[in-house]
C-alpha atoms as a PDB file:
ATOM      1  CA  MET A   1     111.862 285.987  69.083  1.00  0.00           C
ATOM      2  CA  HIS A   2     112.123 284.213  72.430  1.00  0.00           C
ATOM      3  CA  LYS A   3     115.487 283.796  74.113  1.00  0.00           C
ATOM      4  CA  LEU A   4     114.378 280.411  75.448  1.00  0.00           C
ATOM      5  CA  ILE A   5     111.442 278.042  75.077  1.00  0.00           C
ATOM      6  CA  LEU A   6     110.495 274.634  76.436  1.00  0.00           C
ATOM      7  CA  PHE A   7     109.990 272.304  73.479  1.00  0.00           C
ATOM      8  CA  ILE A   8     108.081 269.019  73.752  1.00  0.00           C
ATOM      9  CA  LYS A   9     107.840 266.506  70.918  1.00  0.00           C
ATOM     10  CA  THR A  10     104.980 264.078  71.463  1.00  0.00           C
ATOM     11  CA  TYR A  11     102.464 261.776  69.801  1.00  0.00           C
ATOM     12  CA  GLU A  12      99.176 260.136  70.747  1.00  0.00           C
ATOM     13  CA  PRO A  13     100.557 257.111  72.675  1.00  0.00           C
ATOM     14  CA  ASP A  14     102.415 259.533  74.977  1.00  0.00           C
ATOM     15  CA  PHE A  15      99.577 262.015  75.554  1.00  0.00           C
ATOM     16  CA  LYS A  16      98.759 260.593  78.976  1.00  0.00           C
ATOM     17  CA  THR A  17     102.278 261.284  80.211  1.00  0.00           C
ATOM     18  CA  VAL A  18     102.677 264.569  78.369  1.00  0.00           C
ATOM     19  CA  TYR A  19      99.648 265.917  80.237  1.00  0.00           C
ATOM     20  CA  LYS A  20     101.435 265.111  83.519  1.00  0.00           C
ATOM     21  CA  LEU A  21     104.511 266.932  82.228  1.00  0.00           C
ATOM     22  CA  LEU A  22     102.454 269.970  81.227  1.00  0.00           C
ATOM     23  CA  ASP A  23     100.736 270.045  84.620  1.00  0.00           C
ATOM     24  CA  SER A  24     104.162 270.081  86.283  1.00  0.00           C
ATOM     25  CA  ILE A  25     105.328 272.894  83.998  1.00  0.00           C
ATOM     26  CA  ASP A  26     102.241 274.935  84.845  1.00  0.00           C
ATOM     27  CA  GLU A  27     103.010 274.476  88.536  1.00  0.00           C
ATOM     28  CA  PHE A  28     106.757 275.103  88.584  1.00  0.00           C
ATOM     29  CA  ASN A  29     107.535 277.388  85.603  1.00  0.00           C
ATOM     30  CA  LYS A  30     108.181 280.518  87.659  1.00  0.00           C
ATOM     31  CA  ASP A  31     109.606 282.632  84.811  1.00  0.00           C
ATOM     32  CA  SER A  32     106.748 281.699  82.456  1.00  0.00           C
ATOM     33  CA  ILE A  33     109.112 280.261  79.855  1.00  0.00           C
ATOM     34  CA  PRO A  34     107.004 279.734  76.689  1.00  0.00           C
ATOM     35  CA  VAL A  35     105.951 276.149  76.003  1.00  0.00           C
ATOM     36  CA  VAL A  36     105.925 274.829  72.432  1.00  0.00           C
ATOM     37  CA  ILE A  37     104.594 271.388  71.512  1.00  0.00           C
ATOM     38  CA  SER A  38     105.023 269.417  68.301  1.00  0.00           C
ATOM     39  CA  VAL A  39     102.696 266.543  67.456  1.00  0.00           C
ATOM     40  CA  ASN A  40     102.695 263.950  64.681  1.00  0.00           C
ATOM     41  CA  ASP A  41     100.414 265.268  61.948  1.00  0.00           C
ATOM     42  CA  GLU A  42      97.999 262.348  62.207  1.00  0.00           C
ATOM     43  CA  HIS A  43      97.618 262.850  65.975  1.00  0.00           C
ATOM     44  CA  PHE A  44      97.408 266.644  65.979  1.00  0.00           C
ATOM     45  CA  GLY A  45      93.642 266.786  66.390  1.00  0.00           C
ATOM     46  CA  PHE A  46      93.623 264.318  69.298  1.00  0.00           C
ATOM     47  CA  LEU A  47      95.564 266.567  71.679  1.00  0.00           C
ATOM     48  CA  LYS A  48      93.329 268.091  74.348  1.00  0.00           C
ATOM     49  CA  LYS A  49      91.703 271.352  73.321  1.00  0.00           C
ATOM     50  CA  ASP A  50      93.093 273.236  76.297  1.00  0.00           C
ATOM     51  CA  CYS A  51      96.645 272.416  75.166  1.00  0.00           C
ATOM     52  CA  HIS A  52      95.989 274.286  71.938  1.00  0.00           C
ATOM     53  CA  GLU A  53      94.627 277.176  73.992  1.00  0.00           C
ATOM     54  CA  LYS A  54      97.409 277.367  76.598  1.00  0.00           C
ATOM     55  CA  TYR A  55     100.479 276.535  74.486  1.00  0.00           C
ATOM     56  CA  LYS A  56     101.729 276.922  70.943  1.00  0.00           C
ATOM     57  CA  VAL A  57     101.181 273.593  69.161  1.00  0.00           C
ATOM     58  CA  TYR A  58     102.670 272.670  65.782  1.00  0.00           C
ATOM     59  CA  ARG A  59     102.273 269.766  63.455  1.00  0.00           C
ATOM     60  CA  ASP A  60     105.600 268.015  62.881  1.00  0.00           C
ATOM     61  CA  SER A  61     105.430 268.851  59.187  1.00  0.00           C
ATOM     62  CA  GLU A  62     105.465 272.556  60.066  1.00  0.00           C
ATOM     63  CA  ILE A  63     108.958 272.045  61.478  1.00  0.00           C
ATOM     64  CA  CYS A  64     110.436 269.714  58.878  1.00  0.00           C
ATOM     65  CA  LYS A  65     109.722 266.750  56.665  1.00  0.00           C
ATOM     66  CA  THR A  66     111.762 263.560  56.843  1.00  0.00           C
ATOM     67  CA  THR A  67     111.915 260.253  55.033  1.00  0.00           C
ATOM     68  CA  ILE A  68     112.776 258.462  58.274  1.00  0.00           C
ATOM     69  CA  THR A  69     109.676 256.957  59.838  1.00  0.00           C
ATOM     70  CA  GLU A  70     110.904 254.786  62.726  1.00  0.00           C
ATOM     71  CA  GLY A  71     109.645 256.462  65.882  1.00  0.00           C
ATOM     72  CA  TRP A  72     112.859 256.840  67.899  1.00  0.00           C
ATOM     73  CA  ARG A  73     114.816 258.258  64.975  1.00  0.00           C
ATOM     74  CA  TYR A  74     111.912 260.286  63.613  1.00  0.00           C
ATOM     75  CA  GLN A  75     111.330 262.232  66.817  1.00  0.00           C
ATOM     76  CA  GLN A  76     115.029 263.082  67.060  1.00  0.00           C
ATOM     77  CA  ILE A  77     114.987 264.656  63.609  1.00  0.00           C
ATOM     78  CA  ILE A  78     111.977 266.805  64.486  1.00  0.00           C
ATOM     79  CA  LYS A  79     113.684 268.024  67.665  1.00  0.00           C
ATOM     80  CA  CYS A  80     116.909 268.875  65.843  1.00  0.00           C
ATOM     81  CA  ASN A  81     115.133 271.157  63.359  1.00  0.00           C
ATOM     82  CA  VAL A  82     113.219 273.438  65.720  1.00  0.00           C
ATOM     83  CA  TYR A  83     115.434 276.323  64.587  1.00  0.00           C
ATOM     84  CA  LYS A  84     113.473 276.349  61.311  1.00  0.00           C
ATOM     85  CA  LEU A  85     110.446 277.740  63.137  1.00  0.00           C
ATOM     86  CA  ASN A  86     112.442 280.925  63.767  1.00  0.00           C
ATOM     87  CA  ILE A  87     110.715 281.475  67.100  1.00  0.00           C
ATOM     88  CA  CYS A  88     113.582 281.174  69.595  1.00  0.00           C
ATOM     89  CA  GLU A  89     117.333 281.428  70.070  1.00  0.00           C
ATOM     90  CA  ASN A  90     117.575 278.495  72.501  1.00  0.00           C
ATOM     91  CA  TYR A  91     115.316 275.679  73.603  1.00  0.00           C
ATOM     92  CA  VAL A  92     115.065 273.004  76.240  1.00  0.00           C
ATOM     93  CA  ALA A  93     114.063 269.760  74.489  1.00  0.00           C
ATOM     94  CA  ILE A  94     111.973 267.739  76.951  1.00  0.00           C
ATOM     95  CA  ASP A  95     110.710 264.194  76.464  1.00  0.00           C
ATOM     96  CA  SER A  96     107.101 263.308  77.223  1.00  0.00           C
ATOM     97  CA  ASP A  97     108.102 260.923  80.014  1.00  0.00           C
ATOM     98  CA  ALA A  98     109.586 263.739  82.115  1.00  0.00           C
ATOM     99  CA  VAL A  99     108.052 265.680  84.979  1.00  0.00           C
ATOM    100  CA  PHE A 100     109.280 268.720  86.909  1.00  0.00           C
ATOM    101  CA  ILE A 101     109.416 268.405  90.687  1.00  0.00           C
ATOM    102  CA  LYS A 102     110.381 271.907  91.827  1.00  0.00           C
ATOM    103  CA  ASN A 103     110.366 275.557  90.791  1.00  0.00           C
ATOM    104  CA  PHE A 104     112.562 276.320  87.794  1.00  0.00           C
ATOM    105  CA  TYR A 105     113.761 279.518  86.177  1.00  0.00           C
ATOM    106  CA  ILE A 106     115.490 280.735  83.034  1.00  0.00           C
ATOM    107  CA  SER A 107     118.722 280.811  85.040  1.00  0.00           C
ATOM    108  CA  ASP A 108     118.586 277.020  85.362  1.00  0.00           C
ATOM    109  CA  PHE A 109     119.200 276.778  81.617  1.00  0.00           C
ATOM    110  CA  MET A 110     120.956 280.020  80.654  1.00  0.00           C
ATOM    111  CA  TYR A 111     124.297 281.278  81.983  1.00  0.00           C
ATOM    112  CA  ASP A 112     123.489 284.800  80.821  1.00  0.00           C
ATOM    113  CA  GLU A 113     121.068 286.427  78.411  1.00  0.00           C
ATOM    114  CA  ASN A 114     122.771 284.941  75.351  1.00  0.00           C
ATOM    115  CA  THR A 115     124.589 281.804  76.484  1.00  0.00           C
ATOM    116  CA  PRO A 116     122.883 278.523  77.374  1.00  0.00           C
ATOM    117  CA  TYR A 117     124.521 275.907  79.520  1.00  0.00           C
ATOM    118  CA  THR A 118     125.624 272.727  77.740  1.00  0.00           C
ATOM    119  CA  ILE A 119     124.991 269.298  79.246  1.00  0.00           C
ATOM    120  CA  MET A 120     128.424 267.721  78.979  1.00  0.00           C
ATOM    121  CA  GLN A 121     129.726 265.210  81.497  1.00  0.00           C
ATOM    122  CA  GLU A 122     131.508 261.881  81.927  1.00  0.00           C
ATOM    123  CA  SER A 123     128.429 260.316  83.577  1.00  0.00           C
ATOM    124  CA  LYS A 124     130.464 258.046  85.816  1.00  0.00           C
ATOM    125  CA  ASP A 125     127.414 257.491  88.020  1.00  0.00           C
ATOM    126  CA  LEU A 126     125.563 256.095  84.999  1.00  0.00           C
ATOM    127  CA  LEU A 127     128.541 253.918  84.034  1.00  0.00           C
ATOM    128  CA  GLU A 128     128.653 252.579  87.586  1.00  0.00           C
ATOM    129  CA  MET A 129     124.925 251.859  87.587  1.00  0.00           C
ATOM    130  CA  THR A 130     125.209 250.090  84.241  1.00  0.00           C
ATOM    131  CA  GLU A 131     127.786 247.729  85.696  1.00  0.00           C
ATOM    132  CA  ARG A 132     125.674 247.248  88.815  1.00  0.00           C
ATOM    133  CA  VAL A 133     122.705 245.986  86.779  1.00  0.00           C
ATOM    134  CA  GLY A 134     124.899 243.577  84.834  1.00  0.00           C
ATOM    135  CA  MET A 135     125.512 245.555  81.643  1.00  0.00           C
ATOM    136  CA  ASP A 136     128.804 246.513  79.987  1.00  0.00           C
ATOM    137  CA  SER A 137     129.471 250.222  80.571  1.00  0.00           C
ATOM    138  CA  GLU A 138     131.864 250.313  77.610  1.00  0.00           C
ATOM    139  CA  ASN A 139     128.945 249.379  75.383  1.00  0.00           C
ATOM    140  CA  LEU A 140     126.609 252.026  76.749  1.00  0.00           C
ATOM    141  CA  PHE A 141     124.428 253.834  74.227  1.00  0.00           C
ATOM    142  CA  PHE A 142     126.028 257.268  74.439  1.00  0.00           C
ATOM    143  CA  LYS A 143     129.517 255.788  74.063  1.00  0.00           C
ATOM    144  CA  ARG A 144     128.577 253.800  70.979  1.00  0.00           C
ATOM    145  CA  ALA A 145     126.872 256.800  69.402  1.00  0.00           C
ATOM    146  CA  LEU A 146     129.850 259.015  70.239  1.00  0.00           C
ATOM    147  CA  ARG A 147     132.391 256.650  68.695  1.00  0.00           C
ATOM    148  CA  ASP A 148     130.392 256.430  65.487  1.00  0.00           C
ATOM    149  CA  THR A 149     129.669 260.173  65.280  1.00  0.00           C
ATOM    150  CA  ARG A 150     132.990 261.701  66.342  1.00  0.00           C
ATOM    151  CA  PRO A 151     134.953 260.780  63.162  1.00  0.00           C
ATOM    152  CA  PHE A 152     132.728 263.124  61.143  1.00  0.00           C
ATOM    153  CA  PHE A 153     133.942 266.055  63.240  1.00  0.00           C
ATOM    154  CA  GLY A 154     137.551 265.121  64.007  1.00  0.00           C
ATOM    155  CA  ASN A 155     137.208 265.554  67.759  1.00  0.00           C
ATOM    156  CA  LYS A 156     139.237 263.632  70.306  1.00  0.00           C
ATOM    157  CA  GLY A 157     139.671 263.351  74.041  1.00  0.00           C
ATOM    158  CA  LYS A 158     137.269 262.186  76.711  1.00  0.00           C
ATOM    159  CA  GLU A 159     134.076 260.372  75.786  1.00  0.00           C
ATOM    160  CA  TRP A 160     131.558 263.031  76.723  1.00  0.00           C
ATOM    161  CA  ASP A 161     127.929 262.318  77.501  1.00  0.00           C
ATOM    162  CA  TYR A 162     125.842 265.223  76.182  1.00  0.00           C
ATOM    163  CA  GLY A 163     122.762 264.004  78.006  1.00  0.00           C
ATOM    164  CA  PRO A 164     120.570 262.861  79.514  1.00  0.00           C
ATOM    165  CA  SER A 165     117.386 264.636  78.498  1.00  0.00           C
ATOM    166  CA  PRO A 166     116.236 267.341  78.848  1.00  0.00           C
ATOM    167  CA  TYR A 167     118.790 268.948  76.532  1.00  0.00           C
ATOM    168  CA  ILE A 168     119.572 272.652  76.265  1.00  0.00           C
ATOM    169  CA  TRP A 169     120.207 273.518  72.626  1.00  0.00           C
ATOM    170  CA  ASN A 170     121.158 276.678  70.798  1.00  0.00           C
ATOM    171  CA  CYS A 171     119.418 277.206  67.447  1.00  0.00           C
ATOM    172  CA  LYS A 172     122.521 278.738  65.876  1.00  0.00           C
ATOM    173  CA  VAL A 173     124.401 275.470  66.381  1.00  0.00           C
ATOM    174  CA  TRP A 174     121.725 273.365  64.676  1.00  0.00           C
ATOM    175  CA  GLU A 175     121.310 275.884  61.878  1.00  0.00           C
ATOM    176  CA  HIS A 176     125.051 275.974  61.207  1.00  0.00           C
ATOM    177  CA  PHE A 177     125.218 272.179  61.239  1.00  0.00           C
ATOM    178  CA  ASN A 178     122.430 271.930  58.674  1.00  0.00           C
ATOM    179  CA  GLU A 179     123.119 274.920  56.486  1.00  0.00           C
ATOM    180  CA  VAL A 180     126.949 274.904  56.499  1.00  0.00           C
ATOM    181  CA  PHE A 181     128.429 271.571  57.559  1.00  0.00           C
ATOM    182  CA  LEU A 182     125.967 269.244  55.813  1.00  0.00           C
ATOM    183  CA  LYS A 183     126.046 271.311  52.630  1.00  0.00           C
ATOM    184  CA  GLU A 184     129.843 271.184  52.593  1.00  0.00           C
ATOM    185  CA  ILE A 185     129.762 267.373  52.695  1.00  0.00           C
ATOM    186  CA  SER A 186     126.747 267.195  50.328  1.00  0.00           C
ATOM    187  CA  LEU A 187     124.444 265.346  52.695  1.00  0.00           C
ATOM    188  CA  THR A 188     120.929 265.986  53.908  1.00  0.00           C
ATOM    189  CA  PHE A 189     120.119 265.553  57.587  1.00  0.00           C
ATOM    190  CA  ASP A 190     118.384 262.267  56.782  1.00  0.00           C
ATOM    191  CA  GLN A 191     121.416 261.004  54.874  1.00  0.00           C
ATOM    192  CA  PHE A 192     123.806 261.974  57.671  1.00  0.00           C
ATOM    193  CA  PHE A 193     121.570 260.262  60.193  1.00  0.00           C
ATOM    194  CA  THR A 194     121.416 257.138  58.043  1.00  0.00           C
ATOM    195  CA  GLN A 195     125.206 256.964  57.652  1.00  0.00           C
ATOM    196  CA  ILE A 196     125.628 256.879  61.425  1.00  0.00           C
ATOM    197  CA  ASP A 197     122.722 254.467  61.711  1.00  0.00           C
ATOM    198  CA  LYS A 198     124.576 251.931  59.574  1.00  0.00           C
ATOM    199  CA  LYS A 199     127.346 251.811  62.187  1.00  0.00           C
ATOM    200  CA  SER A 200     125.574 252.440  65.440  1.00  0.00           C
ATOM    201  CA  TYR A 201     122.749 251.065  67.531  1.00  0.00           C
ATOM    202  CA  SER A 202     121.096 254.401  66.888  1.00  0.00           C
ATOM    203  CA  PRO A 203     122.192 257.928  66.031  1.00  0.00           C
ATOM    204  CA  SER A 204     121.969 260.353  68.921  1.00  0.00           C
ATOM    205  CA  ASP A 205     120.741 263.906  68.512  1.00  0.00           C
ATOM    206  CA  CYS A 206     122.508 265.114  71.657  1.00  0.00           C
ATOM    207  CA  VAL A 207     125.811 263.567  70.544  1.00  0.00           C
ATOM    208  CA  ILE A 208     125.581 265.239  67.138  1.00  0.00           C
ATOM    209  CA  TYR A 209     124.832 268.602  68.770  1.00  0.00           C
ATOM    210  CA  GLY A 210     127.527 268.261  71.425  1.00  0.00           C
ATOM    211  CA  GLU A 211     130.258 267.081  69.082  1.00  0.00           C
ATOM    212  CA  TYR A 212     129.453 269.762  66.520  1.00  0.00           C
ATOM    213  CA  LEU A 213     129.529 272.434  69.208  1.00  0.00           C
ATOM    214  CA  LEU A 214     132.837 271.035  70.452  1.00  0.00           C
ATOM    215  CA  LYS A 215     134.221 271.248  66.908  1.00  0.00           C
ATOM    216  CA  THR A 216     132.954 274.745  66.053  1.00  0.00           C
ATOM    217  CA  ARG A 217     132.726 276.561  69.431  1.00  0.00           C
ATOM    218  CA  LEU A 218     129.889 278.605  67.938  1.00  0.00           C
ATOM    219  CA  ILE A 219     128.873 279.550  71.470  1.00  0.00           C
ATOM    220  CA  ASP A 220     130.787 279.426  74.734  1.00  0.00           C
ATOM    221  CA  ILE A 221     130.686 275.953  76.276  1.00  0.00           C
ATOM    222  CA  LEU A 222     129.599 276.103  79.905  1.00  0.00           C
ATOM    223  CA  PRO A 223     129.154 272.457  80.950  1.00  0.00           C
ATOM    224  CA  ILE A 224     126.631 271.236  83.479  1.00  0.00           C
ATOM    225  CA  GLY A 225     125.438 267.807  84.611  1.00  0.00           C
ATOM    226  CA  SER A 226     122.030 266.168  84.475  1.00  0.00           C
ATOM    227  CA  LEU A 227     119.014 268.415  84.913  1.00  0.00           C
ATOM    228  CA  PHE A 228     116.715 265.503  85.779  1.00  0.00           C
ATOM    229  CA  LYS A 229     117.092 262.286  87.707  1.00  0.00           C
ATOM    230  CA  VAL A 230     116.709 259.570  85.081  1.00  0.00           C
ATOM    231  CA  TYR A 231     115.769 255.984  85.811  1.00  0.00           C
ATOM    232  CA  HIS A 232     117.256 254.409  82.688  1.00  0.00           C
ATOM    233  CA  TYR A 233     116.646 250.768  83.580  1.00  0.00           C
ATOM    234  CA  LYS A 234     113.944 248.849  85.408  1.00  0.00           C
ATOM    235  CA  LYS A 235     116.638 247.167  87.531  1.00  0.00           C
ATOM    236  CA  GLN A 236     118.081 250.579  88.396  1.00  0.00           C
ATOM    237  CA  TYR A 237     114.666 251.771  89.576  1.00  0.00           C
ATOM    238  CA  ALA A 238     114.271 248.652  91.718  1.00  0.00           C
ATOM    239  CA  ILE A 239     117.624 249.410  93.394  1.00  0.00           C
ATOM    240  CA  GLU A 240     117.184 253.158  93.859  1.00  0.00           C
ATOM    241  CA  LYS A 241     113.450 253.749  94.314  1.00  0.00           C
ATOM    242  CA  ASN A 242     113.578 253.812  98.110  1.00  0.00           C
ATOM    243  CA  GLN A 243     117.007 255.376  98.590  1.00  0.00           C
ATOM    244  CA  LEU A 244     116.042 259.054  98.371  1.00  0.00           C
ATOM    245  CA  LYS A 245     112.788 260.820  99.142  1.00  0.00           C
ATOM    246  CA  LEU A 246     111.285 263.398  96.824  1.00  0.00           C
ATOM    247  CA  GLU A 247     112.374 266.204  99.146  1.00  0.00           C
ATOM    248  CA  GLN A 248     115.975 265.032  98.797  1.00  0.00           C
ATOM    249  CA  LEU A 249     115.801 264.671  95.009  1.00  0.00           C
ATOM    250  CA  ARG A 250     114.457 268.228  94.762  1.00  0.00           C
ATOM    251  CA  LYS A 251     117.714 269.515  96.242  1.00  0.00           C
ATOM    252  CA  ILE A 252     119.626 268.044  93.311  1.00  0.00           C
ATOM    253  CA  TYR A 253     117.351 267.826  90.270  1.00  0.00           C
ATOM    254  CA  LEU A 254     114.662 269.847  88.514  1.00  0.00           C
ATOM    255  CA  GLY A 255     112.665 266.767  87.619  1.00  0.00           C
ATOM    256  CA  LEU A 256     112.358 263.028  87.099  1.00  0.00           C
ATOM    257  CA  ILE A 257     112.286 260.720  84.099  1.00  0.00           C
ATOM    258  CA  HIS A 258     111.232 257.085  84.061  1.00  0.00           C
ATOM    259  CA  GLN A 259     112.303 255.789  80.659  1.00  0.00           C
ATOM    260  CA  SER A 260     109.244 254.961  78.577  1.00  0.00           C
ATOM    261  CA  ASN A 261     110.796 251.808  77.122  1.00  0.00           C
ATOM    262  CA  TRP A 262     110.056 249.983  80.396  1.00  0.00           C
ATOM    263  CA  ARG A 263     107.647 252.348  82.099  1.00  0.00           C
ATOM    264  CA  ARG A 264     104.565 251.249  80.182  1.00  0.00           C
ATOM    265  CA  LYS A 265     104.956 247.719  81.515  1.00  0.00           C
ATOM    266  CA  LYS A 266     104.184 249.001  85.010  1.00  0.00           C
ATOM    267  CA  LYS A 267     100.724 250.121  86.092  1.00  0.00           C
ATOM    268  CA  LYS A 268     102.144 252.376  88.795  1.00  0.00           C
ATOM    269  CA  TRP A 269     105.411 253.769  87.506  1.00  0.00           C
ATOM    270  CA  TYR A 270     105.087 257.034  89.379  1.00  0.00           C
ATOM    271  CA  ARG A 271     106.255 256.577  92.925  1.00  0.00           C
ATOM    272  CA  PHE A 272     105.960 260.175  94.067  1.00  0.00           C
ATOM    273  CA  PHE A 273     102.587 261.359  92.708  1.00  0.00           C
END
């Protein structure tokens, strides 16, 4: 069993960007961390042949089955159930719209052989940017998801942001959540997700993980900030795109993400490559 893997959930519309991500992993993955990909069953055969040869590729149904079909929610559920593969103790869940920009190592994700870092921060820079582009920071996605999720776990205190992606997750936490907590309250994962969905703009996998870890302390919590520079909003990108060069961003981040919800509207969304 691997101590750590890189896990990518993708589907056919994102293949073009996932190939860029995989190229960046091939270039910068200096500790040869294993790469595992999961693809929607109906798109499995469309992934390039060399991906099947170079990486371990699963159909989504080999991880879990879900009644939830809406894309955003569906992909979260697949990512949360990777522990069922029984192939790793920890994994870095990476979205298809990410790309690495510098060398990375196991030590970027793991404090020691057994303890992963946990992304857990107040994200004041994101709150500030949200206000700068004319949005209400109190209504930000992670805050809404947190407020709707936290009552299930009885946590209190600061409103933590357990993102952005990529996330570093421990399989023991997800397994305990599914096999202990959900059974105690007689809910399936889909049912739990749906209960939050009735209240919130959308459930958040990283909020569920972070709040459950905060409740149970199943592993030591060693908080870190964002691994990647994320351009959440088109207006944010317009403001920041010329402020720092790639060489400067490499000093701070492992990679870049241009959110796919606005990226596809631009022909040239990749400024640096």
